[in-house]
Amino acid sequence: MSRDYDKMLSLSDDYRFKTDRARLNFLKAQGTPIDYRIMSVNDSDPSKIVISSITKYEDMELPPIKHILAFEEGKYKLKMRNVVVNMIPSSPDYKTVEYEPERVDGNLEDNFNFSNF
């Protein structure tokens, strides 16, 4: 799968970061998926399309996660948000997904706001 970071930045909106530099460093630190499958699409509201997808990495497969495509300024943008997935196999809540409220994440910003990456 392609890692076109400029395209990723232009096609998404990520409220979690204050700076594009931190956002770019965060994207570069993510592992590259080996498979990505769209499981369902809800386009009943064309201004806010909800897509459920499964992403597979070399060492794990995430459960279905909902993504929002919002129509803004004449184009669709992926709305990034913090998602917490329980990936502890022995946990009774294994593979449960929680979506955190929209807010700037100071920890993400601080950890990824550097110039050398």
PDB file of N, CA and C in Angstrom:
ATOM      1  N   MET A   1       0.842  -1.178   0.000  1.00  0.00           N
ATOM      2  CA  MET A   1       0.000   0.000   0.000  1.00  0.00           C
ATOM      3  C   MET A   1       0.887   1.242   0.000  1.00  0.00           C
ATOM      4  N   SER A   2       0.460   2.247  -0.701  1.00  0.00           N
ATOM      5  CA  SER A   2       1.233   3.469  -0.874  1.00  0.00           C
ATOM      6  C   SER A   2       1.310   4.295   0.410  1.00  0.00           C
ATOM      7  N   ARG A   3       2.423   4.999   0.580  1.00  0.00           N
ATOM      8  CA  ARG A   3       2.604   5.887   1.724  1.00  0.00           C
ATOM      9  C   ARG A   3       2.834   7.305   1.208  1.00  0.00           C
ATOM     10  N   ASP A   4       1.887   7.841   0.433  1.00  0.00           N
ATOM     11  CA  ASP A   4       1.968   9.190  -0.112  1.00  0.00           C
ATOM     12  C   ASP A   4       1.503  10.160   0.977  1.00  0.00           C
ATOM     13  N   TYR A   5       2.448  10.657   1.770  1.00  0.00           N
ATOM     14  CA  TYR A   5       2.121  11.462   2.945  1.00  0.00           C
ATOM     15  C   TYR A   5       1.463  12.788   2.578  1.00  0.00           C
ATOM     16  N   ASP A   6       1.911  13.427   1.500  1.00  0.00           N
ATOM     17  CA  ASP A   6       1.291  14.692   1.095  1.00  0.00           C
ATOM     18  C   ASP A   6      -0.182  14.477   0.745  1.00  0.00           C
ATOM     19  N   LYS A   7      -0.461  13.377   0.064  1.00  0.00           N
ATOM     20  CA  LYS A   7      -1.849  13.075  -0.302  1.00  0.00           C
ATOM     21  C   LYS A   7      -2.664  12.758   0.943  1.00  0.00           C
ATOM     22  N   MET A   8      -2.071  11.997   1.874  1.00  0.00           N
ATOM     23  CA  MET A   8      -2.769  11.684   3.128  1.00  0.00           C
ATOM     24  C   MET A   8      -3.143  12.967   3.873  1.00  0.00           C
ATOM     25  N   LEU A   9      -2.206  13.905   3.929  1.00  0.00           N
ATOM     26  CA  LEU A   9      -2.475  15.170   4.628  1.00  0.00           C
ATOM     27  C   LEU A   9      -3.559  15.965   3.927  1.00  0.00           C
ATOM     28  N   SER A  10      -3.539  15.986   2.606  1.00  0.00           N
ATOM     29  CA  SER A  10      -4.509  16.795   1.868  1.00  0.00           C
ATOM     30  C   SER A  10      -5.917  16.209   1.885  1.00  0.00           C
ATOM     31  N   LEU A  11      -6.018  14.895   2.067  1.00  0.00           N
ATOM     32  CA  LEU A  11      -7.331  14.241   2.020  1.00  0.00           C
ATOM     33  C   LEU A  11      -7.922  13.952   3.397  1.00  0.00           C
ATOM     34  N   SER A  12      -7.265  14.444   4.445  1.00  0.00           N
ATOM     35  CA  SER A  12      -7.774  14.189   5.789  1.00  0.00           C
ATOM     36  C   SER A  12      -7.712  15.459   6.621  1.00  0.00           C
ATOM     37  N   ASP A  13      -8.482  15.438   7.691  1.00  0.00           N
ATOM     38  CA  ASP A  13      -8.531  16.551   8.629  1.00  0.00           C
ATOM     39  C   ASP A  13      -8.348  15.950  10.013  1.00  0.00           C
ATOM     40  N   ASP A  14      -7.301  16.366  10.711  1.00  0.00           N
ATOM     41  CA  ASP A  14      -6.975  15.732  11.984  1.00  0.00           C
ATOM     42  C   ASP A  14      -6.931  16.759  13.099  1.00  0.00           C
ATOM     43  N   TYR A  15      -8.021  16.842  13.859  1.00  0.00           N
ATOM     44  CA  TYR A  15      -8.135  17.805  14.955  1.00  0.00           C
ATOM     45  C   TYR A  15      -7.162  17.504  16.094  1.00  0.00           C
ATOM     46  N   ARG A  16      -6.579  16.306  16.125  1.00  0.00           N
ATOM     47  CA  ARG A  16      -5.720  15.908  17.236  1.00  0.00           C
ATOM     48  C   ARG A  16      -4.403  16.676  17.274  1.00  0.00           C
ATOM     49  N   PHE A  17      -4.027  17.290  16.149  1.00  0.00           N
ATOM     50  CA  PHE A  17      -2.737  17.982  16.057  1.00  0.00           C
ATOM     51  C   PHE A  17      -2.932  19.465  15.788  1.00  0.00           C
ATOM     52  N   LYS A  18      -2.044  20.268  16.351  1.00  0.00           N
ATOM     53  CA  LYS A  18      -2.043  21.706  16.080  1.00  0.00           C
ATOM     54  C   LYS A  18      -1.165  22.023  14.873  1.00  0.00           C
ATOM     55  N   THR A  19      -0.142  21.216  14.615  1.00  0.00           N
ATOM     56  CA  THR A  19       0.790  21.507  13.529  1.00  0.00           C
ATOM     57  C   THR A  19       0.829  20.370  12.511  1.00  0.00           C
ATOM     58  N   ASP A  20       1.070  20.750  11.261  1.00  0.00           N
ATOM     59  CA  ASP A  20       1.202  19.742  10.199  1.00  0.00           C
ATOM     60  C   ASP A  20       2.474  18.917  10.376  1.00  0.00           C
ATOM     61  N   ARG A  21       3.515  19.517  10.943  1.00  0.00           N
ATOM     62  CA  ARG A  21       4.775  18.788  11.141  1.00  0.00           C
ATOM     63  C   ARG A  21       4.553  17.595  12.077  1.00  0.00           C
ATOM     64  N   ALA A  22       3.853  17.830  13.197  1.00  0.00           N
ATOM     65  CA  ALA A  22       3.575  16.736  14.129  1.00  0.00           C
ATOM     66  C   ALA A  22       2.698  15.684  13.471  1.00  0.00           C
ATOM     67  N   ARG A  23       1.736  16.133  12.701  1.00  0.00           N
ATOM     68  CA  ARG A  23       0.834  15.213  12.009  1.00  0.00           C
ATOM     69  C   ARG A  23       1.592  14.358  11.002  1.00  0.00           C
ATOM     70  N   LEU A  24       2.493  14.966  10.252  1.00  0.00           N
ATOM     71  CA  LEU A  24       3.291  14.233   9.274  1.00  0.00           C
ATOM     72  C   LEU A  24       4.201  13.218   9.956  1.00  0.00           C
ATOM     73  N   ASN A  25       4.849  13.599  11.036  1.00  0.00           N
ATOM     74  CA  ASN A  25       5.709  12.671  11.775  1.00  0.00           C
ATOM     75  C   ASN A  25       4.910  11.500  12.334  1.00  0.00           C
ATOM     76  N   PHE A  26       3.707  11.774  12.809  1.00  0.00           N
ATOM     77  CA  PHE A  26       2.833  10.713  13.312  1.00  0.00           C
ATOM     78  C   PHE A  26       2.501   9.726  12.196  1.00  0.00           C
ATOM     79  N   LEU A  27       2.141  10.235  11.018  1.00  0.00           N
ATOM     80  CA  LEU A  27       1.820   9.354   9.889  1.00  0.00           C
ATOM     81  C   LEU A  27       3.013   8.479   9.507  1.00  0.00           C
ATOM     82  N   LYS A  28       4.200   9.063   9.496  1.00  0.00           N
ATOM     83  CA  LYS A  28       5.389   8.309   9.123  1.00  0.00           C
ATOM     84  C   LYS A  28       5.728   7.219  10.141  1.00  0.00           C
ATOM     85  N   ALA A  29       5.334   7.416  11.399  1.00  0.00           N
ATOM     86  CA  ALA A  29       5.646   6.448  12.453  1.00  0.00           C
ATOM     87  C   ALA A  29       4.702   5.241  12.436  1.00  0.00           C
ATOM     88  N   GLN A  30       3.586   5.355  11.729  1.00  0.00           N
ATOM     89  CA  GLN A  30       2.619   4.260  11.687  1.00  0.00           C
ATOM     90  C   GLN A  30       3.138   3.135  10.803  1.00  0.00           C
ATOM     91  N   GLY A  31       2.811   1.922  11.156  1.00  0.00           N
ATOM     92  CA  GLY A  31       3.173   0.783  10.314  1.00  0.00           C
ATOM     93  C   GLY A  31       2.378   0.806   9.023  1.00  0.00           C
ATOM     94  N   THR A  32       2.896   0.141   8.006  1.00  0.00           N
ATOM     95  CA  THR A  32       2.207   0.083   6.721  1.00  0.00           C
ATOM     96  C   THR A  32       1.247  -1.100   6.719  1.00  0.00           C
ATOM     97  N   PRO A  33      -0.038  -0.837   6.472  1.00  0.00           N
ATOM     98  CA  PRO A  33      -0.997  -1.945   6.396  1.00  0.00           C
ATOM     99  C   PRO A  33      -0.678  -2.864   5.214  1.00  0.00           C
ATOM    100  N   ILE A  34      -0.979  -4.150   5.384  1.00  0.00           N
ATOM    101  CA  ILE A  34      -0.793  -5.085   4.269  1.00  0.00           C
ATOM    102  C   ILE A  34      -2.127  -5.397   3.596  1.00  0.00           C
ATOM    103  N   ASP A  35      -3.231  -5.059   4.272  1.00  0.00           N
ATOM    104  CA  ASP A  35      -4.555  -5.265   3.685  1.00  0.00           C
ATOM    105  C   ASP A  35      -5.531  -4.293   4.330  1.00  0.00           C
ATOM    106  N   TYR A  36      -6.505  -3.865   3.552  1.00  0.00           N
ATOM    107  CA  TYR A  36      -7.510  -2.921   4.021  1.00  0.00           C
ATOM    108  C   TYR A  36      -8.814  -3.269   3.328  1.00  0.00           C
ATOM    109  N   ARG A  37      -9.861  -3.549   4.103  1.00  0.00           N
ATOM    110  CA  ARG A  37     -11.139  -3.937   3.512  1.00  0.00           C
ATOM    111  C   ARG A  37     -12.261  -3.059   4.044  1.00  0.00           C
ATOM    112  N   ILE A  38     -13.056  -2.500   3.149  1.00  0.00           N
ATOM    113  CA  ILE A  38     -14.247  -1.756   3.542  1.00  0.00           C
ATOM    114  C   ILE A  38     -15.357  -2.772   3.750  1.00  0.00           C
ATOM    115  N   MET A  39     -15.932  -2.769   4.954  1.00  0.00           N
ATOM    116  CA  MET A  39     -16.962  -3.744   5.304  1.00  0.00           C
ATOM    117  C   MET A  39     -18.371  -3.209   5.046  1.00  0.00           C
ATOM    118  N   SER A  40     -18.571  -1.903   5.276  1.00  0.00           N
ATOM    119  CA  SER A  40     -19.888  -1.316   5.046  1.00  0.00           C
ATOM    120  C   SER A  40     -19.755   0.187   4.813  1.00  0.00           C
ATOM    121  N   VAL A  41     -20.764   0.740   4.145  1.00  0.00           N
ATOM    122  CA  VAL A  41     -20.817   2.174   3.875  1.00  0.00           C
ATOM    123  C   VAL A  41     -22.230   2.653   4.173  1.00  0.00           C
ATOM    124  N   ASN A  42     -22.328   3.703   4.990  1.00  0.00           N
ATOM    125  CA  ASN A  42     -23.620   4.335   5.255  1.00  0.00           C
ATOM    126  C   ASN A  42     -23.561   5.732   4.660  1.00  0.00           C
ATOM    127  N   ASP A  43     -24.238   5.916   3.521  1.00  0.00           N
ATOM    128  CA  ASP A  43     -24.242   7.215   2.857  1.00  0.00           C
ATOM    129  C   ASP A  43     -25.627   7.856   2.889  1.00  0.00           C
ATOM    130  N   SER A  44     -26.410   7.525   3.932  1.00  0.00           N
ATOM    131  CA  SER A  44     -27.749   8.098   4.061  1.00  0.00           C
ATOM    132  C   SER A  44     -27.706   9.611   4.242  1.00  0.00           C
ATOM    133  N   ASP A  45     -26.600  10.131   4.781  1.00  0.00           N
ATOM    134  CA  ASP A  45     -26.367  11.573   4.882  1.00  0.00           C
ATOM    135  C   ASP A  45     -25.144  11.887   4.020  1.00  0.00           C
ATOM    136  N   PRO A  46     -25.352  12.393   2.789  1.00  0.00           N
ATOM    137  CA  PRO A  46     -24.228  12.625   1.878  1.00  0.00           C
ATOM    138  C   PRO A  46     -23.166  13.600   2.401  1.00  0.00           C
ATOM    139  N   SER A  47     -23.502  14.404   3.389  1.00  0.00           N
ATOM    140  CA  SER A  47     -22.509  15.333   3.930  1.00  0.00           C
ATOM    141  C   SER A  47     -21.614  14.663   4.969  1.00  0.00           C
ATOM    142  N   LYS A  48     -21.998  13.457   5.402  1.00  0.00           N
ATOM    143  CA  LYS A  48     -21.234  12.729   6.413  1.00  0.00           C
ATOM    144  C   LYS A  48     -21.393  11.226   6.157  1.00  0.00           C
ATOM    145  N   ILE A  49     -20.480  10.662   5.396  1.00  0.00           N
ATOM    146  CA  ILE A  49     -20.534   9.245   5.048  1.00  0.00           C
ATOM    147  C   ILE A  49     -19.719   8.464   6.080  1.00  0.00           C
ATOM    148  N   VAL A  50     -20.305   7.380   6.594  1.00  0.00           N
ATOM    149  CA  VAL A  50     -19.629   6.558   7.596  1.00  0.00           C
ATOM    150  C   VAL A  50     -19.232   5.229   6.944  1.00  0.00           C
ATOM    151  N   ILE A  51     -17.942   4.933   7.031  1.00  0.00           N
ATOM    152  CA  ILE A  51     -17.383   3.715   6.447  1.00  0.00           C
ATOM    153  C   ILE A  51     -16.832   2.850   7.573  1.00  0.00           C
ATOM    154  N   SER A  52     -17.135   1.584   7.545  1.00  0.00           N
ATOM    155  CA  SER A  52     -16.562   0.632   8.498  1.00  0.00           C
ATOM    156  C   SER A  52     -15.543  -0.202   7.740  1.00  0.00           C
ATOM    157  N   SER A  53     -14.319  -0.277   8.300  1.00  0.00           N
ATOM    158  CA  SER A  53     -13.264  -1.007   7.601  1.00  0.00           C
ATOM    159  C   SER A  53     -12.423  -1.825   8.569  1.00  0.00           C
ATOM    160  N   ILE A  54     -11.743  -2.812   7.995  1.00  0.00           N
ATOM    161  CA  ILE A  54     -10.800  -3.645   8.739  1.00  0.00           C
ATOM    162  C   ILE A  54      -9.418  -3.423   8.133  1.00  0.00           C
ATOM    163  N   THR A  55      -8.451  -3.160   8.986  1.00  0.00           N
ATOM    164  CA  THR A  55      -7.073  -2.967   8.547  1.00  0.00           C
ATOM    165  C   THR A  55      -6.223  -4.095   9.103  1.00  0.00           C
ATOM    166  N   LYS A  56      -5.409  -4.673   8.239  1.00  0.00           N
ATOM    167  CA  LYS A  56      -4.542  -5.768   8.649  1.00  0.00           C
ATOM    168  C   LYS A  56      -3.087  -5.341   8.505  1.00  0.00           C
ATOM    169  N   TYR A  57      -2.320  -5.589   9.567  1.00  0.00           N
ATOM    170  CA  TYR A  57      -0.880  -5.341   9.578  1.00  0.00           C
ATOM    171  C   TYR A  57      -0.186  -6.693   9.599  1.00  0.00           C
ATOM    172  N   GLU A  58       1.105  -6.691   9.467  1.00  0.00           N
ATOM    173  CA  GLU A  58       1.849  -7.946   9.431  1.00  0.00           C
ATOM    174  C   GLU A  58       1.612  -8.795  10.675  1.00  0.00           C
ATOM    175  N   ASP A  59       1.485  -8.144  11.839  1.00  0.00           N
ATOM    176  CA  ASP A  59       1.375  -8.886  13.094  1.00  0.00           C
ATOM    177  C   ASP A  59      -0.013  -8.881  13.728  1.00  0.00           C
ATOM    178  N   MET A  60      -0.998  -8.211  13.099  1.00  0.00           N
ATOM    179  CA  MET A  60      -2.338  -8.188  13.690  1.00  0.00           C
ATOM    180  C   MET A  60      -3.379  -7.680  12.700  1.00  0.00           C
ATOM    181  N   GLU A  61      -4.624  -8.001  13.006  1.00  0.00           N
ATOM    182  CA  GLU A  61      -5.758  -7.478  12.251  1.00  0.00           C
ATOM    183  C   GLU A  61      -6.666  -6.745  13.230  1.00  0.00           C
ATOM    184  N   LEU A  62      -6.970  -5.493  12.924  1.00  0.00           N
ATOM    185  CA  LEU A  62      -7.841  -4.710  13.785  1.00  0.00           C
ATOM    186  C   LEU A  62      -9.298  -5.069  13.528  1.00  0.00           C
ATOM    187  N   PRO A  63     -10.153  -4.911  14.527  1.00  0.00           N
ATOM    188  CA  PRO A  63     -11.580  -5.137  14.309  1.00  0.00           C
ATOM    189  C   PRO A  63     -12.146  -4.007  13.443  1.00  0.00           C
ATOM    190  N   PRO A  64     -13.386  -4.117  12.983  1.00  0.00           N
ATOM    191  CA  PRO A  64     -13.970  -3.036  12.179  1.00  0.00           C
ATOM    192  C   PRO A  64     -13.950  -1.703  12.935  1.00  0.00           C
ATOM    193  N   ILE A  65     -13.478  -0.675  12.246  1.00  0.00           N
ATOM    194  CA  ILE A  65     -13.417   0.671  12.793  1.00  0.00           C
ATOM    195  C   ILE A  65     -14.190   1.600  11.862  1.00  0.00           C
ATOM    196  N   LYS A  66     -14.999   2.469  12.450  1.00  0.00           N
ATOM    197  CA  LYS A  66     -15.794   3.415  11.666  1.00  0.00           C
ATOM    198  C   LYS A  66     -14.982   4.672  11.382  1.00  0.00           C
ATOM    199  N   HIS A  67     -15.030   5.099  10.121  1.00  0.00           N
ATOM    200  CA  HIS A  67     -14.362   6.317   9.680  1.00  0.00           C
ATOM    201  C   HIS A  67     -15.421   7.249   9.098  1.00  0.00           C
ATOM    202  N   ILE A  68     -15.229   8.538   9.263  1.00  0.00           N
ATOM    203  CA  ILE A  68     -16.186   9.517   8.762  1.00  0.00           C
ATOM    204  C   ILE A  68     -15.558  10.305   7.623  1.00  0.00           C
ATOM    205  N   LEU A  69     -16.260  10.343   6.508  1.00  0.00           N
ATOM    206  CA  LEU A  69     -15.886  11.192   5.380  1.00  0.00           C
ATOM    207  C   LEU A  69     -16.864  12.361   5.378  1.00  0.00           C
ATOM    208  N   ALA A  70     -16.366  13.563   5.627  1.00  0.00           N
ATOM    209  CA  ALA A  70     -17.218  14.753   5.689  1.00  0.00           C
ATOM    210  C   ALA A  70     -17.017  15.573   4.418  1.00  0.00           C
ATOM    211  N   PHE A  71     -18.125  16.075   3.867  1.00  0.00           N
ATOM    212  CA  PHE A  71     -18.066  16.918   2.683  1.00  0.00           C
ATOM    213  C   PHE A  71     -17.878  18.355   3.126  1.00  0.00           C
ATOM    214  N   GLU A  72     -16.694  18.912   2.835  1.00  0.00           N
ATOM    215  CA  GLU A  72     -16.354  20.271   3.253  1.00  0.00           C
ATOM    216  C   GLU A  72     -15.651  20.983   2.114  1.00  0.00           C
ATOM    217  N   GLU A  73     -16.041  22.208   1.866  1.00  0.00           N
ATOM    218  CA  GLU A  73     -15.389  23.039   0.854  1.00  0.00           C
ATOM    219  C   GLU A  73     -15.306  22.339  -0.498  1.00  0.00           C
ATOM    220  N   GLY A  74     -16.382  21.648  -0.875  1.00  0.00           N
ATOM    221  CA  GLY A  74     -16.473  21.041  -2.191  1.00  0.00           C
ATOM    222  C   GLY A  74     -15.785  19.703  -2.374  1.00  0.00           C
ATOM    223  N   LYS A  75     -15.277  19.103  -1.264  1.00  0.00           N
ATOM    224  CA  LYS A  75     -14.652  17.784  -1.399  1.00  0.00           C
ATOM    225  C   LYS A  75     -14.800  17.012  -0.095  1.00  0.00           C
ATOM    226  N   TYR A  76     -14.635  15.685  -0.203  1.00  0.00           N
ATOM    227  CA  TYR A  76     -14.697  14.828   0.979  1.00  0.00           C
ATOM    228  C   TYR A  76     -13.336  14.768   1.644  1.00  0.00           C
ATOM    229  N   LYS A  77     -13.352  14.800   2.987  1.00  0.00           N
ATOM    230  CA  LYS A  77     -12.123  14.656   3.769  1.00  0.00           C
ATOM    231  C   LYS A  77     -12.364  13.625   4.860  1.00  0.00           C
ATOM    232  N   LEU A  78     -11.358  12.786   5.078  1.00  0.00           N
ATOM    233  CA  LEU A  78     -11.404  11.814   6.158  1.00  0.00           C
ATOM    234  C   LEU A  78     -11.195  12.550   7.471  1.00  0.00           C
ATOM    235  N   LYS A  79     -12.119  12.389   8.408  1.00  0.00           N
ATOM    236  CA  LYS A  79     -12.020  13.040   9.715  1.00  0.00           C
ATOM    237  C   LYS A  79     -11.290  12.090  10.659  1.00  0.00           C
ATOM    238  N   MET A  80     -10.051  12.440  11.003  1.00  0.00           N
ATOM    239  CA  MET A  80      -9.245  11.605  11.885  1.00  0.00           C
ATOM    240  C   MET A  80      -9.709  11.782  13.327  1.00  0.00           C
ATOM    241  N   ARG A  81      -9.588  10.726  14.121  1.00  0.00           N
ATOM    242  CA  ARG A  81      -9.951  10.793  15.539  1.00  0.00           C
ATOM    243  C   ARG A  81      -9.222   9.695  16.294  1.00  0.00           C
ATOM    244  N   ASN A  82      -9.140   9.877  17.607  1.00  0.00           N
ATOM    245  CA  ASN A  82      -8.503   8.861  18.444  1.00  0.00           C
ATOM    246  C   ASN A  82      -9.441   7.677  18.601  1.00  0.00           C
ATOM    247  N   VAL A  83      -8.908   6.513  18.326  1.00  0.00           N
ATOM    248  CA  VAL A  83      -9.651   5.263  18.459  1.00  0.00           C
ATOM    249  C   VAL A  83      -8.837   4.371  19.385  1.00  0.00           C
ATOM    250  N   VAL A  84      -9.502   3.811  20.386  1.00  0.00           N
ATOM    251  CA  VAL A  84      -8.835   2.896  21.314  1.00  0.00           C
ATOM    252  C   VAL A  84      -9.367   1.493  21.035  1.00  0.00           C
ATOM    253  N   VAL A  85      -8.463   0.580  20.698  1.00  0.00           N
ATOM    254  CA  VAL A  85      -8.834  -0.805  20.409  1.00  0.00           C
ATOM    255  C   VAL A  85      -8.162  -1.695  21.446  1.00  0.00           C
ATOM    256  N   ASN A  86      -8.946  -2.491  22.137  1.00  0.00           N
ATOM    257  CA  ASN A  86      -8.396  -3.434  23.108  1.00  0.00           C
ATOM    258  C   ASN A  86      -7.847  -4.631  22.344  1.00  0.00           C
ATOM    259  N   MET A  87      -6.526  -4.755  22.317  1.00  0.00           N
ATOM    260  CA  MET A  87      -5.884  -5.856  21.596  1.00  0.00           C
ATOM    261  C   MET A  87      -5.204  -6.835  22.541  1.00  0.00           C
ATOM    262  N   ILE A  88      -5.732  -6.937  23.761  1.00  0.00           N
ATOM    263  CA  ILE A  88      -5.210  -7.892  24.743  1.00  0.00           C
ATOM    264  C   ILE A  88      -6.041  -9.173  24.632  1.00  0.00           C
ATOM    265  N   PRO A  89      -5.480 -10.232  24.050  1.00  0.00           N
ATOM    266  CA  PRO A  89      -6.256 -11.451  23.779  1.00  0.00           C
ATOM    267  C   PRO A  89      -6.949 -12.047  25.007  1.00  0.00           C
ATOM    268  N   SER A  90      -6.353 -11.946  26.184  1.00  0.00           N
ATOM    269  CA  SER A  90      -6.955 -12.562  27.381  1.00  0.00           C
ATOM    270  C   SER A  90      -8.049 -11.690  28.009  1.00  0.00           C
ATOM    271  N   SER A  91      -8.235 -10.502  27.498  1.00  0.00           N
ATOM    272  CA  SER A  91      -9.227  -9.582  28.061  1.00  0.00           C
ATOM    273  C   SER A  91     -10.639  -9.976  27.623  1.00  0.00           C
ATOM    274  N   PRO A  92     -11.627  -9.828  28.523  1.00  0.00           N
ATOM    275  CA  PRO A  92     -13.010 -10.110  28.119  1.00  0.00           C
ATOM    276  C   PRO A  92     -13.516  -9.104  27.078  1.00  0.00           C
ATOM    277  N   ASP A  93     -12.874  -7.948  26.983  1.00  0.00           N
ATOM    278  CA  ASP A  93     -13.263  -6.924  26.006  1.00  0.00           C
ATOM    279  C   ASP A  93     -12.353  -6.908  24.790  1.00  0.00           C
ATOM    280  N   TYR A  94     -11.700  -8.032  24.519  1.00  0.00           N
ATOM    281  CA  TYR A  94     -10.764  -8.146  23.400  1.00  0.00           C
ATOM    282  C   TYR A  94     -11.423  -7.677  22.101  1.00  0.00           C
ATOM    283  N   LYS A  95     -10.711  -6.831  21.372  1.00  0.00           N
ATOM    284  CA  LYS A  95     -11.119  -6.271  20.082  1.00  0.00           C
ATOM    285  C   LYS A  95     -12.333  -5.347  20.172  1.00  0.00           C
ATOM    286  N   THR A  96     -12.594  -4.795  21.360  1.00  0.00           N
ATOM    287  CA  THR A  96     -13.628  -3.762  21.434  1.00  0.00           C
ATOM    288  C   THR A  96     -13.025  -2.431  20.987  1.00  0.00           C
ATOM    289  N   VAL A  97     -13.865  -1.568  20.458  1.00  0.00           N
ATOM    290  CA  VAL A  97     -13.421  -0.291  19.903  1.00  0.00           C
ATOM    291  C   VAL A  97     -14.141   0.841  20.638  1.00  0.00           C
ATOM    292  N   GLU A  98     -13.352   1.835  21.061  1.00  0.00           N
ATOM    293  CA  GLU A  98     -13.908   3.032  21.678  1.00  0.00           C
ATOM    294  C   GLU A  98     -13.411   4.245  20.900  1.00  0.00           C
ATOM    295  N   TYR A  99     -14.296   5.235  20.721  1.00  0.00           N
ATOM    296  CA  TYR A  99     -13.950   6.458  20.013  1.00  0.00           C
ATOM    297  C   TYR A  99     -13.888   7.592  21.029  1.00  0.00           C
ATOM    298  N   GLU A 100     -12.729   8.243  21.109  1.00  0.00           N
ATOM    299  CA  GLU A 100     -12.553   9.313  22.081  1.00  0.00           C
ATOM    300  C   GLU A 100     -13.157  10.607  21.546  1.00  0.00           C
ATOM    301  N   PRO A 101     -13.527  11.516  22.460  1.00  0.00           N
ATOM    302  CA  PRO A 101     -14.100  12.796  22.031  1.00  0.00           C
ATOM    303  C   PRO A 101     -13.100  13.600  21.190  1.00  0.00           C
ATOM    304  N   GLU A 102     -13.645  14.452  20.323  1.00  0.00           N
ATOM    305  CA  GLU A 102     -12.790  15.278  19.474  1.00  0.00           C
ATOM    306  C   GLU A 102     -12.114  16.355  20.308  1.00  0.00           C
ATOM    307  N   ARG A 103     -10.781  16.328  20.291  1.00  0.00           N
ATOM    308  CA  ARG A 103      -9.986  17.343  20.986  1.00  0.00           C
ATOM    309  C   ARG A 103      -8.544  17.224  20.524  1.00  0.00           C
ATOM    310  N   VAL A 104      -7.812  18.322  20.668  1.00  0.00           N
ATOM    311  CA  VAL A 104      -6.384  18.271  20.376  1.00  0.00           C
ATOM    312  C   VAL A 104      -5.749  17.365  21.422  1.00  0.00           C
ATOM    313  N   ASP A 105      -4.920  16.451  20.970  1.00  0.00           N
ATOM    314  CA  ASP A 105      -4.251  15.528  21.876  1.00  0.00           C
ATOM    315  C   ASP A 105      -2.842  16.047  22.138  1.00  0.00           C
ATOM    316  N   GLY A 106      -2.643  16.671  23.292  1.00  0.00           N
ATOM    317  CA  GLY A 106      -1.353  17.254  23.642  1.00  0.00           C
ATOM    318  C   GLY A 106      -0.223  16.253  23.632  1.00  0.00           C
ATOM    319  N   ASN A 107      -0.484  15.014  24.051  1.00  0.00           N
ATOM    320  CA  ASN A 107       0.567  13.987  24.053  1.00  0.00           C
ATOM    321  C   ASN A 107       1.019  13.653  22.637  1.00  0.00           C
ATOM    322  N   LEU A 108       0.060  13.486  21.710  1.00  0.00           N
ATOM    323  CA  LEU A 108       0.426  13.212  20.321  1.00  0.00           C
ATOM    324  C   LEU A 108       1.215  14.383  19.757  1.00  0.00           C
ATOM    325  N   GLU A 109       0.718  15.591  19.991  1.00  0.00           N
ATOM    326  CA  GLU A 109       1.385  16.784  19.475  1.00  0.00           C
ATOM    327  C   GLU A 109       2.816  16.876  19.995  1.00  0.00           C
ATOM    328  N   ASP A 110       2.998  16.713  21.299  1.00  0.00           N
ATOM    329  CA  ASP A 110       4.325  16.822  21.898  1.00  0.00           C
ATOM    330  C   ASP A 110       5.264  15.717  21.417  1.00  0.00           C
ATOM    331  N   ASN A 111       4.753  14.498  21.291  1.00  0.00           N
ATOM    332  CA  ASN A 111       5.601  13.362  20.912  1.00  0.00           C
ATOM    333  C   ASN A 111       6.009  13.379  19.434  1.00  0.00           C
ATOM    334  N   PHE A 112       5.256  14.064  18.590  1.00  0.00           N
ATOM    335  CA  PHE A 112       5.536  14.012  17.157  1.00  0.00           C
ATOM    336  C   PHE A 112       5.863  15.372  16.567  1.00  0.00           C
ATOM    337  N   ASN A 113       6.092  16.388  17.378  1.00  0.00           N
ATOM    338  CA  ASN A 113       6.406  17.715  16.874  1.00  0.00           C
ATOM    339  C   ASN A 113       7.909  17.957  16.916  1.00  0.00           C
ATOM    340  N   PHE A 114       8.637  17.300  16.023  1.00  0.00           N
ATOM    341  CA  PHE A 114      10.080  17.465  15.936  1.00  0.00           C
ATOM    342  C   PHE A 114      10.455  17.504  14.450  1.00  0.00           C
ATOM    343  N   SER A 115      11.624  18.004  14.135  1.00  0.00           N
ATOM    344  CA  SER A 115      11.984  18.213  12.738  1.00  0.00           C
ATOM    345  C   SER A 115      12.700  17.035  12.088  1.00  0.00           C
ATOM    346  N   ASN A 116      13.360  16.198  12.831  1.00  0.00           N
ATOM    347  CA  ASN A 116      14.095  15.071  12.237  1.00  0.00           C
ATOM    348  C   ASN A 116      13.292  13.801  12.328  1.00  0.00           C
ATOM    349  N   PHE A 117      12.820  13.333  11.203  1.00  0.00           N
ATOM    350  CA  PHE A 117      12.108  12.057  11.193  1.00  0.00           C
ATOM    351  C   PHE A 117      12.488  11.276   9.975  1.00  0.00           C
TER     352      PHE A 117
END
